[in-house]
Amino acid sequence: MTKRFSSPRLVVSAKLTTFAQTAFAGAIALNLWVNPSLAGDPFRNREPHQIGNQTEAAFKAIFQQGNYPATDRYLEQALSKEPNEPLAYAMKASLAYGNKDWAKLDTYSQKTLETGQKLIPNDPLRGNLYTAVGHFLEGAVVITREGTVNGVPQALSRLRQVYEYLDKAEAISANDPELNLIKGYMDLLLAVNLPFASPDQAIRRLEQNASPGYLVDRGIALAYRDLKRYPQALEYVNRAIKTTSDNPEIYYLKAQILKQLGQKEKSQQIIQEAIANFDKALTKKSQLPGDLVKQIERERRSAVSLKNPG
């Protein structure tokens, strides 16, 4: 355990709050191929855990379709009809972070932790898992509120608790797909940002034991993008597109990868393909958050400037 936290300032600066929005959000999603008789558990084909139909519908909306307004509607129903499901609160916290609504981030991070703890007696695997997630989200709250320098001691304490509860969940079922998806995303985040961590080990965890498959592909594409290994990133984002072709955020990710690859190889053709993927993402801008749309538009303009310098 000590080795994991030997560089506290580096750990906390490793995009902790960004993970609350992206990596964690990506780590909790719907398996599009799960047997309909197992509705409510998007991760497991065997020995399903009951999660809830409204929570499941919210994941379909955001991860299959990238539809944020629909996701909000389903999550409001989930909080009313499935109030003991920590996954719903975790998603609300993640969306609050994306909207820069720090009060709601604080509220739903606490609710994720509370419902995770309450779930432990009845479902110790998921209870411990979401207790870990709750501590992680509360660490993001600390960093957001206090800043990196002042928030380091508290955030480091939270991160220790994250791994304490992840270890408890892993002791129950080391090969569980939901556990490995969330832990795999977290390990990739740290591996991309810390010199002593191994991204290859995190990728193996995702490929071997995590589910659903398209989020495995998406996570690995994100990792390879950040590692500047663009051909591998392109391979995995194309795999994700095959199974989530209605999600505009997947085309945005592909556009980012192509833009960087085009710059590296000085290829106008690849940059043009990047622009086409930015455009494809923007065809569904009405269902994306306004700040995200503005970011996509900024990155598209940057790509156009590369194609038409001067």
Protein backbone atom coordinates (compact mmCIF):
# COMPACT_ATOMS: atom_id res chain seq x y z
CA MET A 1 0.00 0.00 0.00
CA THR A 2 2.82 2.41 0.81
CA LYS A 3 4.28 2.20 -2.68
CA ARG A 4 1.05 3.41 -4.24
CA PHE A 5 1.25 6.68 -2.33
CA SER A 6 4.98 7.32 -2.31
CA SER A 7 4.48 10.53 -4.37
CA PRO A 8 1.41 12.23 -2.83
CA ARG A 9 1.62 15.46 -4.79
CA LEU A 10 1.99 13.58 -8.06
CA VAL A 11 -0.92 11.29 -7.26
CA VAL A 12 -3.27 14.12 -6.48
CA SER A 13 -2.17 16.14 -9.49
CA ALA A 14 -2.88 13.19 -11.77
CA LYS A 15 -6.08 14.70 -13.06
CA LEU A 16 -8.05 13.52 -10.02
CA THR A 17 -11.05 15.69 -10.71
CA THR A 18 -11.02 14.91 -14.43
CA PHE A 19 -11.44 11.25 -13.58
CA ALA A 20 -14.65 12.08 -11.73
CA GLN A 21 -16.12 13.31 -15.00
CA THR A 22 -14.56 11.10 -17.65
CA ALA A 23 -12.81 7.98 -16.51
CA PHE A 24 -15.36 7.12 -13.83
CA ALA A 25 -18.24 8.12 -16.04
CA GLY A 26 -16.87 5.82 -18.69
CA ALA A 27 -16.43 3.07 -16.18
CA ILE A 28 -20.10 2.81 -15.29
CA ALA A 29 -22.13 1.97 -18.32
CA LEU A 30 -24.55 -0.36 -20.03
CA ASN A 31 -23.56 -3.64 -21.65
CA LEU A 32 -25.52 -3.56 -24.87
CA TRP A 33 -25.34 -7.32 -25.31
CA VAL A 34 -26.50 -8.44 -21.89
CA ASN A 35 -29.37 -10.95 -21.88
CA PRO A 36 -32.68 -9.04 -21.48
CA SER A 37 -33.67 -11.41 -18.67
CA LEU A 38 -30.81 -9.90 -16.66
CA ALA A 39 -32.09 -6.33 -16.98
CA GLY A 40 -30.66 -4.16 -14.27
CA ASP A 41 -27.14 -5.59 -14.38
CA PRO A 42 -25.19 -4.22 -17.33
CA PHE A 43 -21.93 -5.92 -16.39
CA ARG A 44 -22.52 -9.62 -15.72
CA ASN A 45 -23.83 -12.47 -17.83
CA ARG A 46 -23.69 -14.81 -14.83
CA GLU A 47 -24.79 -14.27 -11.25
CA PRO A 48 -26.31 -10.83 -11.92
CA HIS A 49 -26.72 -8.16 -9.26
CA GLN A 50 -29.91 -6.13 -9.16
CA ILE A 51 -29.19 -2.52 -10.09
CA GLY A 52 -32.48 -1.04 -11.35
CA ASN A 53 -34.31 -0.39 -14.60
CA GLN A 54 -34.23 3.43 -14.43
CA THR A 55 -30.51 3.43 -13.68
CA GLU A 56 -30.01 1.05 -16.58
CA ALA A 57 -32.04 3.32 -18.87
CA ALA A 58 -29.88 6.29 -17.88
CA PHE A 59 -26.77 4.38 -18.91
CA LYS A 60 -28.31 3.48 -22.25
CA ALA A 61 -29.05 7.13 -22.84
CA ILE A 62 -25.59 8.43 -22.08
CA PHE A 63 -23.26 5.64 -23.17
CA GLN A 64 -25.15 4.22 -26.12
CA GLN A 65 -26.58 7.50 -27.41
CA GLY A 66 -24.56 10.25 -25.68
CA ASN A 67 -27.89 11.89 -24.81
CA TYR A 68 -27.42 14.03 -21.70
CA PRO A 69 -30.96 15.46 -21.36
CA ALA A 70 -32.47 11.97 -21.50
CA THR A 71 -29.87 10.78 -19.00
CA ASP A 72 -30.91 13.50 -16.56
CA ARG A 73 -34.56 12.51 -16.85
CA TYR A 74 -33.85 8.83 -16.22
CA LEU A 75 -31.57 9.60 -13.29
CA GLU A 76 -34.24 11.73 -11.62
CA GLN A 77 -36.59 8.75 -11.88
CA ALA A 78 -33.87 6.46 -10.58
CA LEU A 79 -33.33 8.58 -7.47
CA SER A 80 -37.07 8.38 -6.78
CA LYS A 81 -37.68 4.71 -7.58
CA GLU A 82 -34.23 3.21 -6.84
CA PRO A 83 -32.95 5.33 -3.94
CA ASN A 84 -30.60 2.62 -2.64
CA GLU A 85 -28.58 2.28 -5.86
CA PRO A 86 -25.20 4.03 -5.46
CA LEU A 87 -24.49 3.91 -9.17
CA ALA A 88 -27.26 6.46 -9.83
CA TYR A 89 -25.78 8.92 -7.33
CA ALA A 90 -22.29 8.39 -8.75
CA MET A 91 -23.57 9.29 -12.20
CA LYS A 92 -25.30 12.39 -10.84
CA ALA A 93 -22.03 13.42 -9.20
CA SER A 94 -20.15 12.93 -12.45
CA LEU A 95 -22.65 15.01 -14.41
CA ALA A 96 -22.51 17.73 -11.74
CA TYR A 97 -18.74 17.88 -12.19
CA GLY A 98 -19.17 18.27 -15.93
CA ASN A 99 -21.61 21.12 -15.33
CA LYS A 100 -19.28 22.75 -12.75
CA ASP A 101 -22.08 22.50 -10.18
CA TRP A 102 -19.88 22.08 -7.13
CA ALA A 103 -22.77 22.01 -4.63
CA LYS A 104 -24.41 19.07 -6.41
CA LEU A 105 -21.04 17.36 -6.82
CA ASP A 106 -20.64 17.53 -3.05
CA THR A 107 -24.19 16.30 -2.39
CA TYR A 108 -24.11 13.35 -4.77
CA SER A 109 -20.58 12.32 -3.82
CA GLN A 110 -21.77 12.02 -0.22
CA LYS A 111 -24.86 10.06 -1.33
CA THR A 112 -22.67 7.68 -3.36
CA LEU A 113 -20.58 7.00 -0.27
CA GLU A 114 -23.58 6.61 2.03
CA THR A 115 -25.50 4.23 -0.25
CA GLY A 116 -22.35 2.25 -0.97
CA GLN A 117 -21.78 1.75 2.75
CA LYS A 118 -25.43 0.74 3.28
CA LEU A 119 -25.17 -1.80 0.47
CA ILE A 120 -22.23 -3.69 2.04
CA PRO A 121 -24.31 -6.07 4.25
CA ASN A 122 -26.53 -7.20 1.35
CA ASP A 123 -24.08 -6.97 -1.54
CA PRO A 124 -20.54 -6.72 -0.15
CA LEU A 125 -18.88 -6.72 -3.58
CA ARG A 126 -20.76 -3.72 -4.96
CA GLY A 127 -21.07 -2.10 -1.56
CA ASN A 128 -17.31 -2.00 -1.10
CA LEU A 129 -16.80 -0.98 -4.73
CA TYR A 130 -19.09 2.04 -4.50
CA THR A 131 -17.81 2.98 -1.07
CA ALA A 132 -14.45 3.26 -2.84
CA VAL A 133 -16.03 5.31 -5.62
CA GLY A 134 -17.70 7.57 -3.06
CA HIS A 135 -14.36 8.26 -1.38
CA PHE A 136 -12.83 8.99 -4.78
CA LEU A 137 -15.56 11.46 -5.66
CA GLU A 138 -15.22 13.15 -2.28
CA GLY A 139 -11.51 13.49 -3.01
CA ALA A 140 -12.49 15.30 -6.21
CA VAL A 141 -14.70 17.61 -4.13
CA VAL A 142 -11.75 18.43 -1.86
CA ILE A 143 -9.47 19.26 -4.79
CA THR A 144 -12.18 21.38 -6.42
CA ARG A 145 -12.89 23.28 -3.19
CA GLU A 146 -9.39 23.60 -1.70
CA GLY A 147 -7.15 23.49 -4.78
CA THR A 148 -4.32 21.05 -5.42
CA VAL A 149 -1.84 22.40 -2.86
CA ASN A 150 -4.21 22.85 0.09
CA GLY A 151 -6.28 19.78 -0.72
CA VAL A 152 -3.37 17.32 -0.99
CA PRO A 153 -3.48 15.88 2.58
CA GLN A 154 -7.25 15.31 2.57
CA ALA A 155 -7.31 13.98 -0.98
CA LEU A 156 -4.44 11.61 -0.22
CA SER A 157 -6.35 10.28 2.79
CA ARG A 158 -9.38 9.70 0.55
CA LEU A 159 -7.26 7.94 -2.05
CA ARG A 160 -5.94 5.54 0.60
CA GLN A 161 -9.54 4.72 1.50
CA VAL A 162 -10.38 4.21 -2.16
CA TYR A 163 -7.79 1.45 -2.45
CA GLU A 164 -8.70 0.00 0.94
CA TYR A 165 -12.27 -0.63 -0.22
CA LEU A 166 -11.23 -1.68 -3.73
CA ASP A 167 -8.99 -4.29 -2.10
CA LYS A 168 -11.96 -5.53 -0.05
CA ALA A 169 -14.08 -5.85 -3.19
CA GLU A 170 -11.26 -7.62 -5.01
CA ALA A 171 -10.92 -10.10 -2.16
CA ILE A 172 -14.58 -11.07 -2.72
CA SER A 173 -14.36 -11.50 -6.51
CA ALA A 174 -11.08 -10.59 -8.19
CA ASN A 175 -12.43 -11.25 -11.70
CA ASP A 176 -15.70 -9.34 -11.35
CA PRO A 177 -16.29 -7.32 -14.57
CA GLU A 178 -17.78 -4.22 -12.89
CA LEU A 179 -14.92 -4.04 -10.40
CA ASN A 180 -12.30 -4.52 -13.11
CA LEU A 181 -13.88 -1.90 -15.36
CA ILE A 182 -13.84 0.80 -12.69
CA LYS A 183 -10.47 -0.18 -11.23
CA GLY A 184 -9.01 -0.56 -14.73
CA TYR A 185 -10.02 2.98 -15.65
CA MET A 186 -8.56 4.28 -12.40
CA ASP A 187 -5.30 2.37 -12.88
CA LEU A 188 -5.02 3.73 -16.43
CA LEU A 189 -5.48 7.28 -15.19
CA LEU A 190 -2.63 6.87 -12.72
CA ALA A 191 -0.45 4.97 -15.19
CA VAL A 192 -0.74 7.70 -17.82
CA ASN A 193 0.29 10.37 -15.30
CA LEU A 194 2.78 8.67 -12.98
CA PRO A 195 6.25 7.54 -14.11
CA PHE A 196 6.38 4.42 -11.90
CA ALA A 197 3.00 2.98 -12.97
CA SER A 198 2.49 0.53 -15.84
CA PRO A 199 -0.24 1.28 -18.40
CA ASP A 200 0.24 -2.15 -19.97
CA GLN A 201 -0.77 -3.85 -16.73
CA ALA A 202 -3.90 -1.68 -16.48
CA ILE A 203 -4.79 -2.44 -20.11
CA ARG A 204 -4.45 -6.17 -19.44
CA ARG A 205 -6.84 -5.86 -16.51
CA LEU A 206 -9.43 -4.23 -18.74
CA GLU A 207 -9.02 -6.65 -21.64
CA GLN A 208 -9.04 -9.82 -19.53
CA ASN A 209 -11.74 -9.21 -16.92
CA ALA A 210 -13.70 -6.00 -17.52
CA SER A 211 -17.08 -5.56 -19.19
CA PRO A 212 -18.87 -4.19 -21.23
CA GLY A 213 -16.48 -4.56 -24.13
CA TYR A 214 -17.11 -1.24 -25.84
CA LEU A 215 -16.15 0.67 -22.68
CA VAL A 216 -13.03 -1.43 -22.43
CA ASP A 217 -12.17 -0.31 -25.97
CA ARG A 218 -13.03 3.31 -25.19
CA GLY A 219 -10.90 3.36 -22.06
CA ILE A 220 -7.89 1.87 -23.81
CA ALA A 221 -8.31 4.37 -26.67
CA LEU A 222 -8.26 7.22 -24.13
CA ALA A 223 -5.12 5.81 -22.51
CA TYR A 224 -3.26 5.39 -25.80
CA ARG A 225 -4.32 8.93 -26.81
CA ASP A 226 -2.80 10.34 -23.62
CA LEU A 227 0.30 8.20 -24.07
CA LYS A 228 0.61 9.63 -27.61
CA ARG A 229 0.42 6.12 -29.10
CA TYR A 230 -2.00 7.25 -31.78
CA PRO A 231 -2.19 4.22 -34.10
CA GLN A 232 -3.17 2.00 -31.15
CA ALA A 233 -5.64 4.65 -29.94
CA LEU A 234 -7.22 4.72 -33.40
CA GLU A 235 -7.56 0.94 -33.46
CA TYR A 236 -9.45 0.88 -30.18
CA VAL A 237 -11.69 3.87 -30.85
CA ASN A 238 -12.74 2.23 -34.13
CA ARG A 239 -13.66 -0.89 -32.19
CA ALA A 240 -15.78 1.22 -29.83
CA ILE A 241 -17.50 2.92 -32.76
CA LYS A 242 -18.65 -0.45 -34.11
CA THR A 243 -20.80 -0.98 -31.02
CA THR A 244 -21.73 2.62 -30.06
CA SER A 245 -22.11 4.26 -33.44
CA ASP A 246 -24.91 6.58 -32.24
CA ASN A 247 -22.78 8.23 -29.56
CA PRO A 248 -21.33 11.60 -30.71
CA GLU A 249 -18.67 11.55 -27.99
CA ILE A 250 -17.01 8.55 -29.64
CA TYR A 251 -16.55 10.53 -32.87
CA TYR A 252 -15.17 13.44 -30.84
CA LEU A 253 -12.58 11.09 -29.32
CA LYS A 254 -11.69 9.76 -32.77
CA ALA A 255 -11.35 13.32 -34.06
CA GLN A 256 -8.93 14.18 -31.25
CA ILE A 257 -6.80 11.14 -32.00
CA LEU A 258 -6.74 11.84 -35.74
CA LYS A 259 -5.85 15.48 -35.20
CA GLN A 260 -2.83 14.55 -33.08
CA LEU A 261 -1.80 11.81 -35.49
CA GLY A 262 -2.14 14.17 -38.45
CA GLN A 263 0.08 16.75 -36.74
CA LYS A 264 2.68 14.13 -35.89
CA GLU A 265 2.79 12.73 -39.42
CA LYS A 266 2.22 16.10 -41.11
CA SER A 267 -0.67 14.58 -43.04
CA GLN A 268 -3.33 16.90 -44.44
CA GLN A 269 -5.46 13.87 -45.30
CA ILE A 270 -5.56 12.67 -41.69
CA ILE A 271 -6.33 16.19 -40.45
CA GLN A 272 -9.22 16.38 -42.92
CA GLU A 273 -10.53 13.09 -41.54
CA ALA A 274 -10.29 14.56 -38.05
CA ILE A 275 -12.40 17.55 -39.15
CA ALA A 276 -14.99 15.17 -40.59
CA ASN A 277 -15.24 13.39 -37.24
CA PHE A 278 -15.58 16.68 -35.34
CA ASP A 279 -18.43 17.49 -37.73
CA LYS A 280 -20.04 14.12 -37.12
CA ALA A 281 -19.96 14.70 -33.37
CA LEU A 282 -21.53 18.14 -33.83
CA THR A 283 -24.49 16.77 -35.80
CA LYS A 284 -25.92 15.79 -32.40
CA LYS A 285 -24.85 18.85 -30.44
CA SER A 286 -28.41 19.40 -29.16
CA GLN A 287 -28.03 16.39 -26.88
CA LEU A 288 -24.61 17.39 -25.52
CA PRO A 289 -23.79 19.87 -22.73
CA GLY A 290 -23.18 23.41 -24.00
CA ASP A 291 -19.63 23.59 -22.64
CA LEU A 292 -18.73 20.32 -24.37
CA VAL A 293 -20.14 21.59 -27.68
CA LYS A 294 -18.02 24.73 -27.37
CA GLN A 295 -14.94 22.63 -26.68
CA ILE A 296 -15.56 20.44 -29.74
CA GLU A 297 -16.06 23.55 -31.86
CA ARG A 298 -12.79 25.06 -30.57
CA GLU A 299 -10.86 21.90 -31.35
CA ARG A 300 -12.44 21.73 -34.80
CA ARG A 301 -11.32 25.31 -35.54
CA SER A 302 -7.83 24.37 -34.39
CA ALA A 303 -7.82 21.42 -36.80
CA VAL A 304 -9.00 23.65 -39.65
CA SER A 305 -6.16 26.07 -38.92
CA LEU A 306 -3.70 23.18 -39.28
CA LYS A 307 -5.14 22.37 -42.69
CA ASN A 308 -5.10 26.00 -43.78
CA PRO A 309 -2.04 27.55 -42.09
CA GLY A 310 -1.70 31.28 -42.19
